[in-house]
Amino acid sequence: MTPLHKLSEQGQSVWIDFLSRKFIDDGDLAGLVRDGVVGVTSNPTIFQAAIAEGDAYDEQIKEVSATESEPKEIFLALARDDIRAACDQLRPVFDAGNGKDGWVSLEVDPNLAHDTQATIDEAARLHALVDKPNVFIKIPATREGLSAIEETTAAGIPVNVTLIFSLERHREVAEAYVRGLQRLVDGGGDPSRIASVASFFVSRVDTEADKRLDAIGGHDELKGTLAIANAKLAYVTYAEVFSGPEWEALAAKGATAQRCLWASTSTKNPEYRDVLYVEELIGPDTVNTMPRATIEAFADHGETRRTVDADLDRARGELATLKELGIDLERVTDQLQVEGVEKFAKAFNQMIQAVGEKLGRVAQGT
């Protein structure tokens, strides 16, 4: 039994935060699935790196360019094939678990993150483009994204809500999902055919909070603790929203709770344990999506025990102390979300530019 299988015994699903054509074609994804990886997440930064480097996509760019000249449409053709191939490799996992895992995520154009209707339209388009039952469409958790999450869920499209940093926004996201499910059911839809995850970003919170602690001096005992405390309280929110009569009525019709997915779980500070954001957030009905290096580190020396709901009073105390010090965590998380959307949009635009440049070289016969 691998360490990843031990995480599964604790109720946590391990997904990998990486995707490329070579990764699929060379059997790397299949090997990780055998080791216990049960899902895949992608984002514009990941696709930008995959497409811009090397020549794995050049032949398809040449083929698609015969009928399509718009770089974004060419990218979507490339991404569609990668996502479909990954969905096929994970389909046995999806089928065996009745849709709990085996998901592959594709994100809407992050340039649309503040346009509700455009996000709704793009989500529907991407879902139809991939046309696989185990594809998640990723929607950023902006204020404008909340209505898009509800509408997309109500349309029966599975959603991975991304770029969640704050407890308040996480609760709003969960409630938007519940509203969408209720509308789906009211319209005669089957809620058992879809699912959702709330991608709650972890390590970046420590990166930013640590900077602010350094600025005021002292209180080193709080450094490297606040992201975990924040995430643990998000798990409390999950337990609160997905309980009670309203939720139980939906669950009786086949609805599944929107699990917390811990994202950004690689350790950014080399002084911290490299599996810190895995070991401290282990528990039932959670997902941890990790870059390959973190998966390998955990497989080598990770310790498995239920931690996600341990020491909650301590977590609350750490966040209260931060507030007493004059550091507004809500402002920190708001800033991180703005930066996250900007980072993904920049990567997406760079990727489209790279496709355009390759398209130009194809046209020149080079």
Protein backbone atom coordinates (compact mmCIF):
# COMPACT_ATOMS: atom_id res chain seq x y z
CA MET A 1 0.00 0.00 0.00
CA THR A 2 1.41 3.38 -1.02
CA PRO A 3 1.28 6.49 1.20
CA LEU A 4 -1.27 7.86 -1.25
CA HIS A 5 -3.51 4.86 -0.59
CA LYS A 6 -3.14 5.58 3.13
CA LEU A 7 -4.49 9.07 2.50
CA SER A 8 -7.42 7.42 0.73
CA GLU A 9 -8.06 5.35 3.86
CA GLN A 10 -8.44 8.63 5.75
CA GLY A 11 -11.07 9.75 3.24
CA GLN A 12 -8.81 12.12 1.29
CA SER A 13 -8.48 11.93 -2.48
CA VAL A 14 -5.14 12.72 -4.09
CA TRP A 15 -5.25 14.60 -7.40
CA ILE A 16 -2.31 15.88 -9.40
CA ASP A 17 -2.04 19.52 -10.35
CA PHE A 18 -0.42 19.01 -13.73
CA LEU A 19 -1.30 18.02 -17.27
CA SER A 20 0.48 17.85 -20.59
CA ARG A 21 0.29 15.69 -23.69
CA LYS A 22 3.65 14.09 -23.00
CA PHE A 23 2.57 13.34 -19.43
CA ILE A 24 -0.41 11.41 -20.81
CA ASP A 25 1.22 9.77 -23.82
CA ASP A 26 4.33 8.56 -21.98
CA GLY A 27 2.30 6.73 -19.36
CA ASP A 28 3.22 8.98 -16.43
CA LEU A 29 -0.40 9.72 -15.59
CA ALA A 30 -1.35 6.05 -15.79
CA GLY A 31 1.52 5.17 -13.43
CA LEU A 32 0.42 7.76 -10.88
CA VAL A 33 -3.15 6.49 -11.07
CA ARG A 34 -1.84 3.02 -10.17
CA ASP A 35 -0.08 4.60 -7.19
CA GLY A 36 -3.29 6.19 -5.91
CA VAL A 37 -3.80 9.48 -7.80
CA VAL A 38 -7.51 9.75 -8.62
CA GLY A 39 -7.94 13.13 -10.34
CA VAL A 40 -6.27 15.87 -12.39
CA THR A 41 -6.41 19.65 -12.17
CA SER A 42 -5.11 22.07 -14.76
CA ASN A 43 -4.96 25.84 -14.99
CA PRO A 44 -3.75 28.41 -17.52
CA THR A 45 -0.26 28.45 -16.04
CA ILE A 46 0.06 24.68 -16.48
CA PHE A 47 -1.17 24.78 -20.08
CA GLN A 48 1.02 27.77 -20.86
CA ALA A 49 4.12 25.85 -19.80
CA ALA A 50 3.06 22.71 -21.64
CA ILE A 51 2.24 24.34 -24.97
CA ALA A 52 4.95 27.01 -25.10
CA GLU A 53 7.79 24.55 -24.52
CA GLY A 54 8.84 21.79 -26.89
CA ASP A 55 7.10 20.54 -30.00
CA ALA A 56 4.48 18.12 -28.65
CA TYR A 57 1.65 20.28 -29.98
CA ASP A 58 3.21 21.56 -33.19
CA GLU A 59 1.74 18.92 -35.50
CA GLN A 60 -1.78 19.46 -34.22
CA ILE A 61 -1.39 23.23 -34.47
CA LYS A 62 -0.47 22.70 -38.12
CA GLU A 63 -3.51 20.46 -38.67
CA VAL A 64 -6.00 22.72 -36.91
CA SER A 65 -4.63 25.83 -38.62
CA ALA A 66 -5.89 24.46 -41.93
CA THR A 67 -9.42 25.38 -40.86
CA GLU A 68 -8.94 27.75 -37.90
CA SER A 69 -6.87 30.91 -37.64
CA GLU A 70 -7.88 32.20 -34.19
CA PRO A 71 -5.17 31.29 -31.61
CA LYS A 72 -7.65 30.87 -28.75
CA GLU A 73 -9.73 28.41 -30.78
CA ILE A 74 -6.61 26.49 -31.69
CA PHE A 75 -5.64 26.32 -28.01
CA LEU A 76 -9.08 24.99 -27.12
CA ALA A 77 -8.65 22.24 -29.71
CA LEU A 78 -5.34 21.28 -28.10
CA ALA A 79 -6.72 21.46 -24.56
CA ARG A 80 -9.84 19.52 -25.53
CA ASP A 81 -7.78 16.57 -26.72
CA ASP A 82 -5.58 16.55 -23.61
CA ILE A 83 -8.55 16.82 -21.27
CA ARG A 84 -10.47 14.12 -23.13
CA ALA A 85 -7.48 11.76 -23.04
CA ALA A 86 -7.02 12.32 -19.29
CA CYS A 87 -10.77 11.82 -18.73
CA ASP A 88 -10.55 8.49 -20.56
CA GLN A 89 -7.61 7.33 -18.43
CA LEU A 90 -9.47 8.26 -15.25
CA ARG A 91 -12.86 6.93 -16.36
CA PRO A 92 -12.40 3.58 -14.55
CA VAL A 93 -11.81 5.52 -11.31
CA PHE A 94 -14.88 7.63 -12.00
CA ASP A 95 -17.07 4.62 -12.72
CA ALA A 96 -15.81 2.53 -9.79
CA GLY A 97 -16.49 5.33 -7.31
CA ASN A 98 -19.83 6.43 -8.79
CA GLY A 99 -18.40 9.80 -9.73
CA LYS A 100 -16.65 10.65 -6.48
CA ASP A 101 -13.24 10.88 -8.16
CA GLY A 102 -11.79 10.43 -11.62
CA TRP A 103 -12.36 14.10 -12.51
CA VAL A 104 -10.25 16.25 -14.84
CA SER A 105 -10.56 20.05 -14.67
CA LEU A 106 -10.51 22.64 -17.45
CA GLU A 107 -10.69 26.33 -16.57
CA VAL A 108 -12.74 29.02 -18.28
CA ASP A 109 -10.80 31.90 -19.78
CA PRO A 110 -9.74 33.87 -16.64
CA ASN A 111 -10.11 37.12 -18.57
CA LEU A 112 -13.85 36.53 -18.11
CA ALA A 113 -13.62 36.22 -14.31
CA HIS A 114 -15.50 39.47 -13.70
CA ASP A 115 -18.15 38.91 -16.37
CA THR A 116 -20.91 36.65 -15.07
CA GLN A 117 -22.75 35.93 -18.32
CA ALA A 118 -19.57 35.42 -20.33
CA THR A 119 -18.37 32.93 -17.72
CA ILE A 120 -21.69 31.05 -17.84
CA ASP A 121 -21.52 30.89 -21.63
CA GLU A 122 -17.88 29.78 -21.65
CA ALA A 123 -18.54 27.08 -19.04
CA ALA A 124 -21.37 25.62 -21.13
CA ARG A 125 -19.22 25.80 -24.25
CA LEU A 126 -16.22 24.04 -22.67
CA HIS A 127 -18.42 21.36 -21.14
CA ALA A 128 -19.94 20.59 -24.53
CA LEU A 129 -16.53 20.79 -26.23
CA VAL A 130 -14.97 18.11 -24.02
CA ASP A 131 -18.18 16.08 -23.82
CA LYS A 132 -17.04 13.73 -21.06
CA PRO A 133 -19.03 12.96 -17.90
CA ASN A 134 -15.95 13.34 -15.70
CA VAL A 135 -14.84 16.83 -16.73
CA PHE A 136 -14.99 19.65 -14.20
CA ILE A 137 -15.29 23.20 -15.50
CA LYS A 138 -13.27 25.58 -13.32
CA ILE A 139 -14.82 28.92 -12.46
CA PRO A 140 -12.95 31.53 -10.37
CA ALA A 141 -14.62 32.47 -7.08
CA THR A 142 -14.90 36.17 -7.83
CA ARG A 143 -17.96 38.12 -6.74
CA GLU A 144 -19.23 37.89 -10.32
CA GLY A 145 -18.39 34.20 -10.38
CA LEU A 146 -20.89 33.33 -7.64
CA SER A 147 -23.90 33.69 -9.92
CA ALA A 148 -22.04 31.82 -12.65
CA ILE A 149 -21.45 28.93 -10.24
CA GLU A 150 -25.14 28.77 -9.38
CA GLU A 151 -26.29 29.01 -13.01
CA THR A 152 -23.77 26.46 -14.26
CA THR A 153 -24.69 24.01 -11.50
CA ALA A 154 -28.40 24.52 -12.21
CA ALA A 155 -27.64 23.62 -15.84
CA GLY A 156 -26.24 20.28 -14.68
CA ILE A 157 -22.58 21.09 -15.35
CA PRO A 158 -20.02 19.93 -12.75
CA VAL A 159 -17.98 22.85 -11.40
CA ASN A 160 -14.58 23.12 -9.74
CA VAL A 161 -14.65 26.54 -8.07
CA THR A 162 -11.11 27.87 -8.04
CA LEU A 163 -9.12 30.66 -6.39
CA ILE A 164 -10.89 30.61 -3.02
CA PHE A 165 -8.84 32.17 -0.24
CA SER A 166 -11.28 33.59 2.31
CA LEU A 167 -13.69 31.89 4.68
CA GLU A 168 -16.48 34.28 3.75
CA ARG A 169 -16.11 33.64 0.02
CA HIS A 170 -15.91 29.89 0.62
CA ARG A 171 -19.26 29.95 2.39
CA GLU A 172 -20.76 32.00 -0.45
CA VAL A 173 -19.42 29.50 -2.97
CA ALA A 174 -20.91 26.54 -1.06
CA GLU A 175 -24.26 28.29 -0.78
CA ALA A 176 -24.23 29.12 -4.52
CA TYR A 177 -23.69 25.43 -5.26
CA VAL A 178 -26.62 24.44 -3.02
CA ARG A 179 -28.88 26.99 -4.72
CA GLY A 180 -27.85 25.64 -8.11
CA LEU A 181 -28.58 22.08 -7.04
CA GLN A 182 -32.00 23.06 -5.73
CA ARG A 183 -32.84 24.71 -9.04
CA LEU A 184 -31.61 21.64 -10.91
CA VAL A 185 -33.87 19.41 -8.82
CA ASP A 186 -36.81 21.79 -9.10
CA GLY A 187 -36.42 21.64 -12.87
CA GLY A 188 -36.56 17.86 -12.87
CA GLY A 189 -32.80 17.30 -13.13
CA ASP A 190 -30.84 14.49 -11.49
CA PRO A 191 -28.33 15.91 -8.97
CA SER A 192 -26.53 12.57 -8.68
CA ARG A 193 -25.06 13.11 -12.14
CA ILE A 194 -22.96 16.10 -11.13
CA ALA A 195 -20.53 17.06 -8.37
CA SER A 196 -18.45 20.02 -7.28
CA VAL A 197 -15.29 20.89 -5.38
CA ALA A 198 -14.29 24.16 -3.73
CA SER A 199 -10.60 24.77 -4.44
CA PHE A 200 -9.36 26.49 -1.30
CA PHE A 201 -5.83 27.85 -1.78
CA VAL A 202 -3.47 27.28 1.11
CA SER A 203 0.25 28.05 0.98
CA ARG A 204 -0.11 31.47 -0.66
CA VAL A 205 -1.91 32.66 2.48
CA ASP A 206 1.20 31.96 4.55
CA THR A 207 3.43 33.60 1.95
CA GLU A 208 1.52 36.86 2.21
CA ALA A 209 0.74 36.72 5.94
CA ASP A 210 4.37 35.94 6.77
CA LYS A 211 5.44 39.07 4.90
CA ARG A 212 3.14 41.17 7.05
CA LEU A 213 4.33 39.52 10.24
CA ASP A 214 7.91 40.25 9.23
CA ALA A 215 6.96 43.88 8.64
CA ILE A 216 5.75 44.37 12.22
CA GLY A 217 8.48 42.18 13.75
CA GLY A 218 8.21 39.34 16.24
CA HIS A 219 5.43 36.76 16.50
CA ASP A 220 7.41 34.20 14.56
CA GLU A 221 5.31 31.52 16.22
CA LEU A 222 2.45 32.48 13.89
CA LYS A 223 4.47 32.11 10.72
CA GLY A 224 3.60 29.00 8.75
CA THR A 225 0.41 28.40 10.75
CA LEU A 226 -2.21 30.78 9.41
CA ALA A 227 -2.87 29.11 6.07
CA ILE A 228 -3.56 25.81 7.80
CA ALA A 229 -5.78 27.50 10.40
CA ASN A 230 -7.71 29.23 7.62
CA ALA A 231 -8.20 25.95 5.74
CA LYS A 232 -9.28 24.05 8.86
CA LEU A 233 -12.02 26.58 9.47
CA ALA A 234 -13.10 26.21 5.84
CA TYR A 235 -13.64 22.53 6.63
CA VAL A 236 -15.89 23.65 9.50
CA THR A 237 -17.88 25.71 7.00
CA TYR A 238 -18.18 22.65 4.77
CA ALA A 239 -19.63 20.65 7.65
CA GLU A 240 -22.09 23.43 8.48
CA VAL A 241 -23.39 24.09 4.96
CA PHE A 242 -23.75 20.44 4.01
CA SER A 243 -25.90 19.40 6.96
CA GLY A 244 -29.38 20.13 8.24
CA PRO A 245 -32.85 19.59 6.76
CA GLU A 246 -32.36 21.58 3.53
CA TRP A 247 -29.24 19.70 2.58
CA GLU A 248 -30.56 16.34 3.72
CA ALA A 249 -33.56 16.76 1.40
CA LEU A 250 -31.21 17.33 -1.54
CA ALA A 251 -28.92 14.49 -0.50
CA ALA A 252 -31.92 12.15 -0.39
CA LYS A 253 -32.40 12.89 -4.09
CA GLY A 254 -28.78 12.02 -4.86
CA ALA A 255 -26.97 15.33 -4.38
CA THR A 256 -23.36 15.19 -3.21
CA ALA A 257 -21.63 17.73 -1.00
CA GLN A 258 -19.11 20.14 -2.47
CA ARG A 259 -15.85 18.82 -1.05
CA CYS A 260 -13.00 21.08 0.01
CA LEU A 261 -10.10 20.73 -2.39
CA TRP A 262 -6.83 21.94 -0.92
CA ALA A 263 -4.93 23.75 -3.69
CA SER A 264 -1.56 25.50 -3.70
CA THR A 265 -0.21 22.85 -1.35
CA SER A 266 3.43 22.92 -2.38
CA THR A 267 5.59 24.57 0.26
CA LYS A 268 6.84 27.97 -0.89
CA ASN A 269 9.10 28.65 2.13
CA PRO A 270 12.08 26.25 2.15
CA GLU A 271 12.24 26.56 5.94
CA TYR A 272 8.92 24.72 6.22
CA ARG A 273 8.45 20.98 5.90
CA ASP A 274 7.92 20.15 2.23
CA VAL A 275 4.71 18.21 2.95
CA LEU A 276 3.37 20.64 5.57
CA TYR A 277 0.22 21.50 3.62
CA VAL A 278 -0.58 17.85 3.06
CA GLU A 279 0.05 16.43 6.53
CA GLU A 280 -1.90 19.12 8.37
CA LEU A 281 -5.07 18.92 6.25
CA ILE A 282 -5.87 15.22 6.11
CA GLY A 283 -9.45 14.13 6.69
CA PRO A 284 -12.68 12.67 5.32
CA ASP A 285 -14.36 14.04 2.21
CA THR A 286 -11.44 16.23 1.16
CA VAL A 287 -9.20 16.43 -1.89
CA ASN A 288 -5.58 17.53 -2.04
CA THR A 289 -4.30 18.43 -5.50
CA MET A 290 -0.51 18.49 -5.51
CA PRO A 291 2.24 19.15 -8.02
CA ARG A 292 4.25 16.06 -8.82
CA ALA A 293 7.17 17.04 -6.57
CA THR A 294 4.86 17.23 -3.55
CA ILE A 295 3.28 13.87 -4.40
CA GLU A 296 6.73 12.33 -4.58
CA ALA A 297 7.80 13.97 -1.32
CA PHE A 298 4.74 12.68 0.50
CA ALA A 299 5.22 9.22 -0.97
CA ASP A 300 8.77 9.29 0.40
CA HIS A 301 8.29 10.63 3.93
CA GLY A 302 4.75 11.84 4.50
CA GLU A 303 2.96 10.97 7.73
CA THR A 304 -0.72 10.05 7.59
CA ARG A 305 -3.16 10.84 10.39
CA ARG A 306 -6.44 12.72 10.61
CA THR A 307 -5.57 16.37 11.15
CA VAL A 308 -8.08 18.54 9.28
CA ASP A 309 -10.39 18.97 12.26
CA ALA A 310 -7.81 18.74 15.03
CA ASP A 311 -6.91 21.71 17.26
CA LEU A 312 -9.71 23.93 15.96
CA ASP A 313 -9.58 26.15 19.03
CA ARG A 314 -5.92 26.72 18.36
CA ALA A 315 -6.70 27.60 14.74
CA ARG A 316 -9.31 30.14 15.83
CA GLY A 317 -6.87 31.55 18.37
CA GLU A 318 -4.14 32.01 15.77
CA LEU A 319 -6.47 33.94 13.48
CA ALA A 320 -7.71 36.02 16.41
CA THR A 321 -4.14 36.88 17.38
CA LEU A 322 -3.42 37.94 13.82
CA LYS A 323 -6.38 40.32 13.98
CA GLU A 324 -5.19 41.73 17.32
CA LEU A 325 -1.87 42.49 15.68
CA GLY A 326 -3.68 44.66 13.14
CA ILE A 327 -3.35 42.30 10.20
CA ASP A 328 -6.66 41.96 8.39
CA LEU A 329 -6.78 38.42 6.99
CA GLU A 330 -9.80 39.27 4.85
CA ARG A 331 -7.78 42.00 3.17
CA VAL A 332 -4.92 39.54 2.67
CA THR A 333 -7.18 36.95 1.05
CA ASP A 334 -8.94 39.55 -1.10
CA GLN A 335 -5.55 40.66 -2.40
CA LEU A 336 -4.54 37.07 -3.09
CA GLN A 337 -7.67 36.45 -5.12
CA VAL A 338 -7.12 39.56 -7.23
CA GLU A 339 -3.51 38.52 -7.81
CA GLY A 340 -4.56 34.94 -8.56
CA VAL A 341 -6.99 36.00 -11.28
CA GLU A 342 -4.39 38.37 -12.74
CA LYS A 343 -1.72 35.64 -12.71
CA PHE A 344 -3.97 33.14 -14.48
CA ALA A 345 -5.12 35.75 -17.00
CA LYS A 346 -1.52 36.68 -17.75
CA ALA A 347 -0.57 33.03 -18.23
CA PHE A 348 -3.61 32.47 -20.45
CA ASN A 349 -2.73 35.46 -22.62
CA GLN A 350 0.90 34.36 -22.86
CA MET A 351 -0.27 30.92 -23.90
CA ILE A 352 -2.51 32.34 -26.63
CA GLN A 353 0.42 34.48 -27.78
CA ALA A 354 2.67 31.39 -27.90
CA VAL A 355 0.08 29.53 -29.98
CA GLY A 356 -0.11 32.52 -32.29
CA GLU A 357 3.67 32.57 -32.69
CA LYS A 358 3.73 28.85 -33.49
CA LEU A 359 0.88 29.42 -35.92
CA GLY A 360 2.98 32.07 -37.64
CA ARG A 361 5.91 29.68 -37.94
CA VAL A 362 3.61 27.04 -39.42
CA ALA A 363 2.41 29.57 -42.00
CA GLN A 364 6.03 30.31 -42.91
CA GLY A 365 6.82 26.62 -43.24
CA THR A 366 9.32 26.71 -40.36
